[in-house]
């Protein structure tokens, strides 16, 4: 299918599709007249990419694991491993944010919230 049809079916703009293609997340083949031609499985794959992005995965991470996931996009083992890694990252970030929140709360009740750290 051509890029216009893919855009319509996926709900993405042509620019977004081209962007994903330049990032190596999507492949097309040029027809003799120069049009991009995409495989039918591009529609569910783009939905998968968008879901992965909403779950906090970067495009680089999606591209790095794309080949294995594209062959078995519903593979519980592969997805579980990726999700476990992502959970660890989220947990670490939450810990960092909790420490930051505590420091902000302590400074919010002082007369000089930006005072230097006590040595």
PDB file of N, CA and C in Angstrom:
ATOM      1  N   UNK A   1       0.834  -1.172   0.000  1.00  0.00           N
ATOM      2  CA  UNK A   1       0.000   0.000   0.000  1.00  0.00           C
ATOM      3  C   UNK A   1       0.882   1.239   0.000  1.00  0.00           C
ATOM      4  N   UNK A   2       0.359   2.312  -0.526  1.00  0.00           N
ATOM      5  CA  UNK A   2       1.102   3.568  -0.578  1.00  0.00           C
ATOM      6  C   UNK A   2       0.993   4.299   0.747  1.00  0.00           C
ATOM      7  N   UNK A   3       1.823   5.326   0.879  1.00  0.00           N
ATOM      8  CA  UNK A   3       1.921   6.043   2.140  1.00  0.00           C
ATOM      9  C   UNK A   3       0.601   6.712   2.532  1.00  0.00           C
ATOM     10  N   UNK A   4      -0.156   7.207   1.574  1.00  0.00           N
ATOM     11  CA  UNK A   4      -1.432   7.833   1.889  1.00  0.00           C
ATOM     12  C   UNK A   4      -2.418   6.852   2.507  1.00  0.00           C
ATOM     13  N   UNK A   5      -2.462   5.656   1.939  1.00  0.00           N
ATOM     14  CA  UNK A   5      -3.356   4.631   2.481  1.00  0.00           C
ATOM     15  C   UNK A   5      -2.884   4.186   3.864  1.00  0.00           C
ATOM     16  N   UNK A   6      -1.576   4.041   4.023  1.00  0.00           N
ATOM     17  CA  UNK A   6      -1.040   3.665   5.324  1.00  0.00           C
ATOM     18  C   UNK A   6      -1.346   4.744   6.363  1.00  0.00           C
ATOM     19  N   UNK A   7      -1.223   5.983   5.973  1.00  0.00           N
ATOM     20  CA  UNK A   7      -1.541   7.082   6.890  1.00  0.00           C
ATOM     21  C   UNK A   7      -3.003   7.014   7.313  1.00  0.00           C
ATOM     22  N   UNK A   8      -3.874   6.786   6.360  1.00  0.00           N
ATOM     23  CA  UNK A   8      -5.300   6.707   6.658  1.00  0.00           C
ATOM     24  C   UNK A   8      -5.614   5.520   7.561  1.00  0.00           C
ATOM     25  N   UNK A   9      -5.058   4.380   7.255  1.00  0.00           N
ATOM     26  CA  UNK A   9      -5.348   3.168   8.039  1.00  0.00           C
ATOM     27  C   UNK A   9      -4.737   3.208   9.439  1.00  0.00           C
ATOM     28  N   UNK A  10      -3.568   3.821   9.563  1.00  0.00           N
ATOM     29  CA  UNK A  10      -2.868   3.837  10.849  1.00  0.00           C
ATOM     30  C   UNK A  10      -3.258   5.020  11.719  1.00  0.00           C
ATOM     31  N   UNK A  11      -3.823   6.046  11.098  1.00  0.00           N
ATOM     32  CA  UNK A  11      -4.157   7.251  11.848  1.00  0.00           C
ATOM     33  C   UNK A  11      -2.965   8.163  12.076  1.00  0.00           C
ATOM     34  N   UNK A  12      -1.866   7.884  11.405  1.00  0.00           N
ATOM     35  CA  UNK A  12      -0.662   8.699  11.524  1.00  0.00           C
ATOM     36  C   UNK A  12      -0.529   9.592  10.304  1.00  0.00           C
ATOM     37  N   UNK A  13       0.217  10.659  10.456  1.00  0.00           N
ATOM     38  CA  UNK A  13       0.463  11.532   9.317  1.00  0.00           C
ATOM     39  C   UNK A  13       1.520  10.913   8.411  1.00  0.00           C
ATOM     40  N   UNK A  14       1.576  11.382   7.207  1.00  0.00           N
ATOM     41  CA  UNK A  14       2.614  10.915   6.278  1.00  0.00           C
ATOM     42  C   UNK A  14       3.996  11.262   6.817  1.00  0.00           C
ATOM     43  N   UNK A  15       4.096  12.441   7.435  1.00  0.00           N
ATOM     44  CA  UNK A  15       5.380  12.849   8.010  1.00  0.00           C
ATOM     45  C   UNK A  15       5.808  11.894   9.120  1.00  0.00           C
ATOM     46  N   UNK A  16       4.876  11.472   9.964  1.00  0.00           N
ATOM     47  CA  UNK A  16       5.199  10.530  11.038  1.00  0.00           C
ATOM     48  C   UNK A  16       5.672   9.209  10.449  1.00  0.00           C
ATOM     49  N   UNK A  17       5.009   8.758   9.414  1.00  0.00           N
ATOM     50  CA  UNK A  17       5.397   7.503   8.766  1.00  0.00           C
ATOM     51  C   UNK A  17       6.795   7.625   8.183  1.00  0.00           C
ATOM     52  N   UNK A  18       7.077   8.728   7.528  1.00  0.00           N
ATOM     53  CA  UNK A  18       8.421   8.941   6.980  1.00  0.00           C
ATOM     54  C   UNK A  18       9.460   8.990   8.098  1.00  0.00           C
ATOM     55  N   UNK A  19       9.104   9.639   9.210  1.00  0.00           N
ATOM     56  CA  UNK A  19       9.999   9.715  10.357  1.00  0.00           C
ATOM     57  C   UNK A  19      10.319   8.320  10.881  1.00  0.00           C
ATOM     58  N   UNK A  20       9.294   7.495  11.074  1.00  0.00           N
ATOM     59  CA  UNK A  20       9.525   6.128  11.529  1.00  0.00           C
ATOM     60  C   UNK A  20      10.400   5.360  10.542  1.00  0.00           C
ATOM     61  N   UNK A  21      10.194   5.631   9.282  1.00  0.00           N
ATOM     62  CA  UNK A  21      11.001   4.952   8.260  1.00  0.00           C
ATOM     63  C   UNK A  21      12.467   5.372   8.369  1.00  0.00           C
ATOM     64  N   UNK A  22      12.731   6.658   8.573  1.00  0.00           N
ATOM     65  CA  UNK A  22      14.117   7.116   8.698  1.00  0.00           C
ATOM     66  C   UNK A  22      14.778   6.587   9.958  1.00  0.00           C
ATOM     67  N   UNK A  23      13.975   6.285  10.980  1.00  0.00           N
ATOM     68  CA  UNK A  23      14.492   5.734  12.244  1.00  0.00           C
ATOM     69  C   UNK A  23      14.684   4.218  12.175  1.00  0.00           C
ATOM     70  N   UNK A  24      14.340   3.626  11.048  1.00  0.00           N
ATOM     71  CA  UNK A  24      14.528   2.195  10.879  1.00  0.00           C
ATOM     72  C   UNK A  24      13.427   1.341  11.487  1.00  0.00           C
ATOM     73  N   UNK A  25      12.312   1.960  11.813  1.00  0.00           N
ATOM     74  CA  UNK A  25      11.195   1.227  12.410  1.00  0.00           C
ATOM     75  C   UNK A  25      10.231   0.687  11.369  1.00  0.00           C
ATOM     76  N   UNK A  26      10.365   1.134  10.166  1.00  0.00           N
ATOM     77  CA  UNK A  26       9.427   0.778   9.120  1.00  0.00           C
ATOM     78  C   UNK A  26      10.184   0.718   7.801  1.00  0.00           C
ATOM     79  N   UNK A  27       9.838  -0.253   6.982  1.00  0.00           N
ATOM     80  CA  UNK A  27      10.495  -0.392   5.682  1.00  0.00           C
ATOM     81  C   UNK A  27       9.484  -0.183   4.568  1.00  0.00           C
ATOM     82  N   UNK A  28       9.983   0.382   3.500  1.00  0.00           N
ATOM     83  CA  UNK A  28       9.162   0.497   2.293  1.00  0.00           C
ATOM     84  C   UNK A  28      10.036   0.106   1.110  1.00  0.00           C
ATOM     85  N   UNK A  29       9.362  -0.160   0.035  1.00  0.00           N
ATOM     86  CA  UNK A  29      10.049  -0.446  -1.221  1.00  0.00           C
ATOM     87  C   UNK A  29       9.530   0.550  -2.232  1.00  0.00           C
ATOM     88  N   UNK A  30      10.405   0.973  -3.102  1.00  0.00           N
ATOM     89  CA  UNK A  30      10.006   1.931  -4.131  1.00  0.00           C
ATOM     90  C   UNK A  30       9.442   1.186  -5.336  1.00  0.00           C
ATOM     91  N   UNK A  31       8.283   1.626  -5.762  1.00  0.00           N
ATOM     92  CA  UNK A  31       7.701   1.068  -6.978  1.00  0.00           C
ATOM     93  C   UNK A  31       8.419   1.681  -8.182  1.00  0.00           C
ATOM     94  N   UNK A  32       8.209   1.146  -9.376  1.00  0.00           N
ATOM     95  CA  UNK A  32       8.894   1.698 -10.553  1.00  0.00           C
ATOM     96  C   UNK A  32       8.624   3.190 -10.772  1.00  0.00           C
ATOM     97  N   UNK A  33       7.461   3.657 -10.326  1.00  0.00           N
ATOM     98  CA  UNK A  33       7.170   5.086 -10.494  1.00  0.00           C
ATOM     99  C   UNK A  33       7.660   5.930  -9.314  1.00  0.00           C
ATOM    100  N   UNK A  34       8.376   5.312  -8.356  1.00  0.00           N
ATOM    101  CA  UNK A  34       8.995   6.049  -7.264  1.00  0.00           C
ATOM    102  C   UNK A  34       8.175   6.148  -5.990  1.00  0.00           C
ATOM    103  N   UNK A  35       6.953   5.641  -6.012  1.00  0.00           N
ATOM    104  CA  UNK A  35       6.124   5.702  -4.811  1.00  0.00           C
ATOM    105  C   UNK A  35       6.617   4.714  -3.768  1.00  0.00           C
ATOM    106  N   UNK A  36       6.469   5.102  -2.510  1.00  0.00           N
ATOM    107  CA  UNK A  36       6.765   4.170  -1.420  1.00  0.00           C
ATOM    108  C   UNK A  36       5.644   3.143  -1.347  1.00  0.00           C
ATOM    109  N   UNK A  37       6.022   1.898  -1.221  1.00  0.00           N
ATOM    110  CA  UNK A  37       5.052   0.819  -1.049  1.00  0.00           C
ATOM    111  C   UNK A  37       5.341   0.130   0.277  1.00  0.00           C
ATOM    112  N   UNK A  38       4.325   0.020   1.114  1.00  0.00           N
ATOM    113  CA  UNK A  38       4.458  -0.597   2.427  1.00  0.00           C
ATOM    114  C   UNK A  38       3.686  -1.905   2.457  1.00  0.00           C
ATOM    115  N   UNK A  39       4.202  -2.848   3.231  1.00  0.00           N
ATOM    116  CA  UNK A  39       3.536  -4.143   3.381  1.00  0.00           C
ATOM    117  C   UNK A  39       2.270  -3.970   4.226  1.00  0.00           C
ATOM    118  N   UNK A  40       1.352  -4.904   4.086  1.00  0.00           N
ATOM    119  CA  UNK A  40       0.090  -4.846   4.827  1.00  0.00           C
ATOM    120  C   UNK A  40       0.314  -4.911   6.333  1.00  0.00           C
ATOM    121  N   UNK A  41       1.377  -5.593   6.769  1.00  0.00           N
ATOM    122  CA  UNK A  41       1.619  -5.698   8.210  1.00  0.00           C
ATOM    123  C   UNK A  41       2.162  -4.412   8.824  1.00  0.00           C
ATOM    124  N   UNK A  42       2.339  -3.369   8.026  1.00  0.00           N
ATOM    125  CA  UNK A  42       2.802  -2.086   8.549  1.00  0.00           C
ATOM    126  C   UNK A  42       1.756  -1.449   9.469  1.00  0.00           C
ATOM    127  N   UNK A  43       0.478  -1.683   9.206  1.00  0.00           N
ATOM    128  CA  UNK A  43      -0.583  -1.080  10.023  1.00  0.00           C
ATOM    129  C   UNK A  43      -0.531  -1.600  11.460  1.00  0.00           C
ATOM    130  N   UNK A  44      -0.574  -2.915  11.683  1.00  0.00           N
ATOM    131  CA  UNK A  44      -0.490  -3.378  13.076  1.00  0.00           C
ATOM    132  C   UNK A  44       0.868  -3.081  13.713  1.00  0.00           C
ATOM    133  N   UNK A  45       1.921  -3.083  12.909  1.00  0.00           N
ATOM    134  CA  UNK A  45       3.236  -2.771  13.459  1.00  0.00           C
ATOM    135  C   UNK A  45       3.283  -1.336  13.961  1.00  0.00           C
ATOM    136  N   UNK A  46       2.738  -0.393  13.217  1.00  0.00           N
ATOM    137  CA  UNK A  46       2.720   1.000  13.665  1.00  0.00           C
ATOM    138  C   UNK A  46       1.878   1.162  14.923  1.00  0.00           C
ATOM    139  N   UNK A  47       0.796   0.422  15.034  1.00  0.00           N
ATOM    140  CA  UNK A  47      -0.009   0.449  16.263  1.00  0.00           C
ATOM    141  C   UNK A  47       0.824  -0.067  17.434  1.00  0.00           C
ATOM    142  N   UNK A  48       1.591  -1.099  17.190  1.00  0.00           N
ATOM    143  CA  UNK A  48       2.475  -1.668  18.197  1.00  0.00           C
ATOM    144  C   UNK A  48       3.515  -0.638  18.631  1.00  0.00           C
ATOM    145  N   UNK A  49       4.117   0.039  17.663  1.00  0.00           N
ATOM    146  CA  UNK A  49       5.131   1.061  17.957  1.00  0.00           C
ATOM    147  C   UNK A  49       4.520   2.168  18.809  1.00  0.00           C
ATOM    148  N   UNK A  50       3.351   2.621  18.445  1.00  0.00           N
ATOM    149  CA  UNK A  50       2.684   3.693  19.201  1.00  0.00           C
ATOM    150  C   UNK A  50       2.365   3.234  20.621  1.00  0.00           C
ATOM    151  N   UNK A  51       1.934   2.008  20.793  1.00  0.00           N
ATOM    152  CA  UNK A  51       1.653   1.479  22.131  1.00  0.00           C
ATOM    153  C   UNK A  51       2.939   1.427  22.953  1.00  0.00           C
ATOM    154  N   UNK A  52       4.009   0.945  22.343  1.00  0.00           N
ATOM    155  CA  UNK A  52       5.296   0.875  23.037  1.00  0.00           C
ATOM    156  C   UNK A  52       5.758   2.267  23.468  1.00  0.00           C
ATOM    157  N   UNK A  53       5.543   3.262  22.625  1.00  0.00           N
ATOM    158  CA  UNK A  53       5.895   4.629  22.983  1.00  0.00           C
ATOM    159  C   UNK A  53       5.072   5.103  24.176  1.00  0.00           C
ATOM    160  N   UNK A  54       3.780   4.818  24.168  1.00  0.00           N
ATOM    161  CA  UNK A  54       2.925   5.216  25.295  1.00  0.00           C
ATOM    162  C   UNK A  54       3.358   4.542  26.591  1.00  0.00           C
ATOM    163  N   UNK A  55       3.942   3.360  26.486  1.00  0.00           N
ATOM    164  CA  UNK A  55       4.431   2.642  27.663  1.00  0.00           C
ATOM    165  C   UNK A  55       5.816   3.130  28.098  1.00  0.00           C
ATOM    166  N   UNK A  56       6.340   4.121  27.398  1.00  0.00           N
ATOM    167  CA  UNK A  56       7.596   4.739  27.808  1.00  0.00           C
ATOM    168  C   UNK A  56       8.835   4.247  27.109  1.00  0.00           C
ATOM    169  N   UNK A  57       8.686   3.404  26.112  1.00  0.00           N
ATOM    170  CA  UNK A  57       9.843   2.924  25.375  1.00  0.00           C
ATOM    171  C   UNK A  57      10.246   3.970  24.345  1.00  0.00           C
ATOM    172  N   UNK A  58      11.545   4.183  24.214  1.00  0.00           N
ATOM    173  CA  UNK A  58      12.038   5.130  23.223  1.00  0.00           C
ATOM    174  C   UNK A  58      12.022   4.479  21.842  1.00  0.00           C
ATOM    175  N   UNK A  59      12.094   5.300  20.832  1.00  0.00           N
ATOM    176  CA  UNK A  59      12.161   4.761  19.474  1.00  0.00           C
ATOM    177  C   UNK A  59      13.428   3.941  19.284  1.00  0.00           C
ATOM    178  N   UNK A  60      14.510   4.350  19.925  1.00  0.00           N
ATOM    179  CA  UNK A  60      15.758   3.591  19.824  1.00  0.00           C
ATOM    180  C   UNK A  60      15.584   2.196  20.422  1.00  0.00           C
ATOM    181  N   UNK A  61      14.911   2.116  21.562  1.00  0.00           N
ATOM    182  CA  UNK A  61      14.686   0.813  22.192  1.00  0.00           C
ATOM    183  C   UNK A  61      13.762  -0.046  21.337  1.00  0.00           C
ATOM    184  N   UNK A  62      12.745   0.573  20.775  1.00  0.00           N
ATOM    185  CA  UNK A  62      11.824  -0.166  19.908  1.00  0.00           C
ATOM    186  C   UNK A  62      12.579  -0.683  18.684  1.00  0.00           C
ATOM    187  N   UNK A  63      13.412   0.161  18.105  1.00  0.00           N
ATOM    188  CA  UNK A  63      14.191  -0.254  16.935  1.00  0.00           C
ATOM    189  C   UNK A  63      15.175  -1.359  17.299  1.00  0.00           C
ATOM    190  N   UNK A  64      15.783  -1.257  18.485  1.00  0.00           N
ATOM    191  CA  UNK A  64      16.766  -2.263  18.894  1.00  0.00           C
ATOM    192  C   UNK A  64      16.135  -3.641  19.062  1.00  0.00           C
ATOM    193  N   UNK A  65      14.907  -3.679  19.529  1.00  0.00           N
ATOM    194  CA  UNK A  65      14.222  -4.946  19.750  1.00  0.00           C
ATOM    195  C   UNK A  65      13.190  -5.240  18.664  1.00  0.00           C
ATOM    196  N   UNK A  66      13.098  -4.355  17.699  1.00  0.00           N
ATOM    197  CA  UNK A  66      12.058  -4.460  16.685  1.00  0.00           C
ATOM    198  C   UNK A  66      12.054  -5.742  15.893  1.00  0.00           C
ATOM    199  N   UNK A  67      13.228  -6.204  15.488  1.00  0.00           N
ATOM    200  CA  UNK A  67      13.279  -7.409  14.654  1.00  0.00           C
ATOM    201  C   UNK A  67      12.723  -8.613  15.391  1.00  0.00           C
ATOM    202  N   UNK A  68      13.153  -8.804  16.628  1.00  0.00           N
ATOM    203  CA  UNK A  68      12.671  -9.966  17.377  1.00  0.00           C
ATOM    204  C   UNK A  68      11.191  -9.843  17.707  1.00  0.00           C
ATOM    205  N   UNK A  69      10.744  -8.627  18.009  1.00  0.00           N
ATOM    206  CA  UNK A  69       9.334  -8.450  18.367  1.00  0.00           C
ATOM    207  C   UNK A  69       8.434  -8.465  17.140  1.00  0.00           C
ATOM    208  N   UNK A  70       8.963  -8.042  16.024  1.00  0.00           N
ATOM    209  CA  UNK A  70       8.150  -8.024  14.810  1.00  0.00           C
ATOM    210  C   UNK A  70       7.842  -9.440  14.345  1.00  0.00           C
ATOM    211  N   UNK A  71       8.776 -10.334  14.578  1.00  0.00           N
ATOM    212  CA  UNK A  71       8.546 -11.722  14.184  1.00  0.00           C
ATOM    213  C   UNK A  71       7.564 -12.406  15.122  1.00  0.00           C
ATOM    214  N   UNK A  72       7.549 -11.992  16.380  1.00  0.00           N
ATOM    215  CA  UNK A  72       6.626 -12.576  17.363  1.00  0.00           C
ATOM    216  C   UNK A  72       6.128 -11.455  18.280  1.00  0.00           C
ATOM    217  N   UNK A  73       5.315 -10.543  17.751  1.00  0.00           N
ATOM    218  CA  UNK A  73       4.936  -9.358  18.523  1.00  0.00           C
ATOM    219  C   UNK A  73       4.174  -9.658  19.805  1.00  0.00           C
ATOM    220  N   UNK A  74       3.592 -10.826  19.916  1.00  0.00           N
ATOM    221  CA  UNK A  74       2.848 -11.161  21.127  1.00  0.00           C
ATOM    222  C   UNK A  74       3.587 -12.183  21.981  1.00  0.00           C
ATOM    223  N   UNK A  75       4.870 -12.361  21.728  1.00  0.00           N
ATOM    224  CA  UNK A  75       5.659 -13.323  22.486  1.00  0.00           C
ATOM    225  C   UNK A  75       5.724 -12.890  23.947  1.00  0.00           C
ATOM    226  N   UNK A  76       5.113 -13.667  24.803  1.00  0.00           N
ATOM    227  CA  UNK A  76       5.050 -13.329  26.224  1.00  0.00           C
ATOM    228  C   UNK A  76       6.439 -13.238  26.840  1.00  0.00           C
ATOM    229  N   UNK A  77       7.325 -14.138  26.469  1.00  0.00           N
ATOM    230  CA  UNK A  77       8.667 -14.144  27.062  1.00  0.00           C
ATOM    231  C   UNK A  77       9.436 -12.874  26.690  1.00  0.00           C
ATOM    232  N   UNK A  78       9.423 -12.519  25.415  1.00  0.00           N
ATOM    233  CA  UNK A  78      10.159 -11.337  24.972  1.00  0.00           C
ATOM    234  C   UNK A  78       9.569 -10.069  25.580  1.00  0.00           C
ATOM    235  N   UNK A  79       8.262  -9.970  25.565  1.00  0.00           N
ATOM    236  CA  UNK A  79       7.620  -8.778  26.122  1.00  0.00           C
ATOM    237  C   UNK A  79       7.802  -8.706  27.633  1.00  0.00           C
ATOM    238  N   UNK A  80       7.687  -9.823  28.308  1.00  0.00           N
ATOM    239  CA  UNK A  80       7.857  -9.833  29.763  1.00  0.00           C
ATOM    240  C   UNK A  80       9.245  -9.357  30.157  1.00  0.00           C
ATOM    241  N   UNK A  81      10.250  -9.784  29.427  1.00  0.00           N
ATOM    242  CA  UNK A  81      11.622  -9.358  29.727  1.00  0.00           C
ATOM    243  C   UNK A  81      11.779  -7.856  29.520  1.00  0.00           C
ATOM    244  N   UNK A  82      11.234  -7.343  28.434  1.00  0.00           N
ATOM    245  CA  UNK A  82      11.314  -5.907  28.181  1.00  0.00           C
ATOM    246  C   UNK A  82      10.548  -5.116  29.233  1.00  0.00           C
ATOM    247  N   UNK A  83       9.381  -5.615  29.607  1.00  0.00           N
ATOM    248  CA  UNK A  83       8.581  -4.924  30.615  1.00  0.00           C
ATOM    249  C   UNK A  83       9.279  -4.938  31.970  1.00  0.00           C
ATOM    250  N   UNK A  84       9.926  -6.043  32.315  1.00  0.00           N
ATOM    251  CA  UNK A  84      10.655  -6.118  33.586  1.00  0.00           C
ATOM    252  C   UNK A  84      11.783  -5.097  33.618  1.00  0.00           C
ATOM    253  N   UNK A  85      12.491  -4.957  32.502  1.00  0.00           N
ATOM    254  CA  UNK A  85      13.549  -3.946  32.417  1.00  0.00           C
ATOM    255  C   UNK A  85      12.971  -2.549  32.570  1.00  0.00           C
ATOM    256  N   UNK A  86      11.854  -2.296  31.917  1.00  0.00           N
ATOM    257  CA  UNK A  86      11.229  -0.976  31.978  1.00  0.00           C
ATOM    258  C   UNK A  86      10.720  -0.685  33.388  1.00  0.00           C
ATOM    259  N   UNK A  87      10.176  -1.683  34.060  1.00  0.00           N
ATOM    260  CA  UNK A  87       9.707  -1.503  35.435  1.00  0.00           C
ATOM    261  C   UNK A  87      10.866  -1.099  36.334  1.00  0.00           C
ATOM    262  N   UNK A  88      12.023  -1.717  36.148  1.00  0.00           N
ATOM    263  CA  UNK A  88      13.200  -1.365  36.948  1.00  0.00           C
ATOM    264  C   UNK A  88      13.603   0.086  36.713  1.00  0.00           C
ATOM    265  N   UNK A  89      13.544   0.527  35.473  1.00  0.00           N
ATOM    266  CA  UNK A  89      13.865   1.917  35.145  1.00  0.00           C
ATOM    267  C   UNK A  89      12.849   2.858  35.800  1.00  0.00           C
ATOM    268  N   UNK A  90      11.581   2.518  35.721  1.00  0.00           N
ATOM    269  CA  UNK A  90      10.529   3.347  36.321  1.00  0.00           C
ATOM    270  C   UNK A  90      10.703   3.398  37.838  1.00  0.00           C
ATOM    271  N   UNK A  91      10.982   2.259  38.458  1.00  0.00           N
ATOM    272  CA  UNK A  91      11.189   2.222  39.909  1.00  0.00           C
ATOM    273  C   UNK A  91      12.361   3.111  40.325  1.00  0.00           C
ATOM    274  N   UNK A  92      13.453   3.055  39.584  1.00  0.00           N
ATOM    275  CA  UNK A  92      14.618   3.887  39.897  1.00  0.00           C
ATOM    276  C   UNK A  92      14.269   5.365  39.766  1.00  0.00           C
ATOM    277  N   UNK A  93      13.538   5.697  38.721  1.00  0.00           N
ATOM    278  CA  UNK A  93      13.139   7.095  38.515  1.00  0.00           C
ATOM    279  C   UNK A  93      12.213   7.562  39.636  1.00  0.00           C
ATOM    280  N   UNK A  94      11.303   6.686  40.064  1.00  0.00           N
ATOM    281  CA  UNK A  94      10.394   7.037  41.151  1.00  0.00           C
ATOM    282  C   UNK A  94      11.173   7.287  42.442  1.00  0.00           C
ATOM    283  N   UNK A  95      12.206   6.497  42.690  1.00  0.00           N
ATOM    284  CA  UNK A  95      13.040   6.705  43.876  1.00  0.00           C
ATOM    285  C   UNK A  95      13.751   8.053  43.809  1.00  0.00           C
ATOM    286  N   UNK A  96      14.305   8.360  42.638  1.00  0.00           N
ATOM    287  CA  UNK A  96      14.969   9.648  42.452  1.00  0.00           C
ATOM    288  C   UNK A  96      13.984  10.795  42.667  1.00  0.00           C
ATOM    289  N   UNK A  97      12.791  10.660  42.139  1.00  0.00           N
ATOM    290  CA  UNK A  97      11.790  11.706  42.284  1.00  0.00           C
ATOM    291  C   UNK A  97      11.324  11.854  43.735  1.00  0.00           C
ATOM    292  N   UNK A  98      11.253  10.759  44.474  1.00  0.00           N
ATOM    293  CA  UNK A  98      10.869  10.825  45.883  1.00  0.00           C
ATOM    294  C   UNK A  98      11.912  11.604  46.680  1.00  0.00           C
ATOM    295  N   UNK A  99      13.192  11.364  46.407  1.00  0.00           N
ATOM    296  CA  UNK A  99      14.265  12.100  47.074  1.00  0.00           C
ATOM    297  C   UNK A  99      14.180  13.581  46.712  1.00  0.00           C
ATOM    298  N   UNK A 100      13.972  13.873  45.450  1.00  0.00           N
ATOM    299  CA  UNK A 100      13.845  15.256  45.003  1.00  0.00           C
ATOM    300  C   UNK A 100      12.649  15.930  45.664  1.00  0.00           C
ATOM    301  N   UNK A 101      11.526  15.228  45.738  1.00  0.00           N
ATOM    302  CA  UNK A 101      10.336  15.788  46.363  1.00  0.00           C
ATOM    303  C   UNK A 101      10.592  16.119  47.824  1.00  0.00           C
ATOM    304  N   UNK A 102      11.265  15.228  48.522  1.00  0.00           N
ATOM    305  CA  UNK A 102      11.580  15.456  49.936  1.00  0.00           C
ATOM    306  C   UNK A 102      12.437  16.698  50.111  1.00  0.00           C
ATOM    307  N   UNK A 103      13.441  16.836  49.265  1.00  0.00           N
ATOM    308  CA  UNK A 103      14.312  18.021  49.356  1.00  0.00           C
ATOM    309  C   UNK A 103      13.530  19.291  49.058  1.00  0.00           C
ATOM    310  N   UNK A 104      12.681  19.254  48.052  1.00  0.00           N
ATOM    311  CA  UNK A 104      11.866  20.428  47.737  1.00  0.00           C
ATOM    312  C   UNK A 104      10.929  20.775  48.896  1.00  0.00           C
ATOM    313  N   UNK A 105      10.332  19.773  49.504  1.00  0.00           N
ATOM    314  CA  UNK A 105       9.429  20.001  50.633  1.00  0.00           C
ATOM    315  C   UNK A 105      10.176  20.627  51.801  1.00  0.00           C
ATOM    316  N   UNK A 106      11.384  20.147  52.077  1.00  0.00           N
ATOM    317  CA  UNK A 106      12.190  20.720  53.153  1.00  0.00           C
ATOM    318  C   UNK A 106      12.532  22.174  52.871  1.00  0.00           C
ATOM    319  N   UNK A 107      12.882  22.471  51.655  1.00  0.00           N
ATOM    320  CA  UNK A 107      13.271  23.832  51.298  1.00  0.00           C
ATOM    321  C   UNK A 107      12.071  24.775  51.210  1.00  0.00           C
ATOM    322  N   UNK A 108      10.901  24.249  50.934  1.00  0.00           N
ATOM    323  CA  UNK A 108       9.709  25.088  50.775  1.00  0.00           C
ATOM    324  C   UNK A 108       9.306  25.766  52.077  1.00  0.00           C
ATOM    325  N   UNK A 109       9.662  25.198  53.214  1.00  0.00           N
ATOM    326  CA  UNK A 109       9.251  25.770  54.503  1.00  0.00           C
ATOM    327  C   UNK A 109      10.331  26.634  55.135  1.00  0.00           C
ATOM    328  N   UNK A 110      11.438  26.846  54.429  1.00  0.00           N
ATOM    329  CA  UNK A 110      12.510  27.678  54.978  1.00  0.00           C
ATOM    330  C   UNK A 110      12.345  29.104  54.504  1.00  0.00           C
ATOM    331  N   UNK A 111      13.031  29.999  55.184  1.00  0.00           N
ATOM    332  CA  UNK A 111      12.999  31.400  54.766  1.00  0.00           C
ATOM    333  C   UNK A 111      13.829  31.651  53.528  1.00  0.00           C
ATOM    334  N   UNK A 112      14.723  30.754  53.233  1.00  0.00           N
ATOM    335  CA  UNK A 112      15.608  30.910  52.071  1.00  0.00           C
ATOM    336  C   UNK A 112      15.721  29.558  51.361  1.00  0.00           C
ATOM    337  N   UNK A 113      14.762  29.246  50.522  1.00  0.00           N
ATOM    338  CA  UNK A 113      14.721  27.922  49.891  1.00  0.00           C
ATOM    339  C   UNK A 113      15.932  27.567  49.041  1.00  0.00           C
ATOM    340  N   UNK A 114      16.699  28.563  48.606  1.00  0.00           N
ATOM    341  CA  UNK A 114      17.846  28.252  47.750  1.00  0.00           C
ATOM    342  C   UNK A 114      19.166  28.399  48.489  1.00  0.00           C
ATOM    343  N   UNK A 115      19.125  28.305  49.812  1.00  0.00           N
ATOM    344  CA  UNK A 115      20.360  28.405  50.591  1.00  0.00           C
ATOM    345  C   UNK A 115      21.299  27.266  50.183  1.00  0.00           C
ATOM    346  N   UNK A 116      22.576  27.503  50.284  1.00  0.00           N
ATOM    347  CA  UNK A 116      23.523  26.444  49.941  1.00  0.00           C
ATOM    348  C   UNK A 116      23.365  25.252  50.884  1.00  0.00           C
ATOM    349  N   UNK A 117      23.789  24.118  50.414  1.00  0.00           N
ATOM    350  CA  UNK A 117      23.773  22.895  51.229  1.00  0.00           C
ATOM    351  C   UNK A 117      24.661  23.114  52.439  1.00  0.00           C
ATOM    352  N   UNK A 118      24.271  22.562  53.577  1.00  0.00           N
ATOM    353  CA  UNK A 118      25.107  22.589  54.778  1.00  0.00           C
ATOM    354  C   UNK A 118      26.201  21.547  54.622  1.00  0.00           C
ATOM    355  N   UNK A 119      27.412  21.936  54.825  1.00  0.00           N
ATOM    356  CA  UNK A 119      28.543  21.012  54.686  1.00  0.00           C
ATOM    357  C   UNK A 119      28.847  20.333  55.986  1.00  0.00           C
TER     358      UNK A 119
END
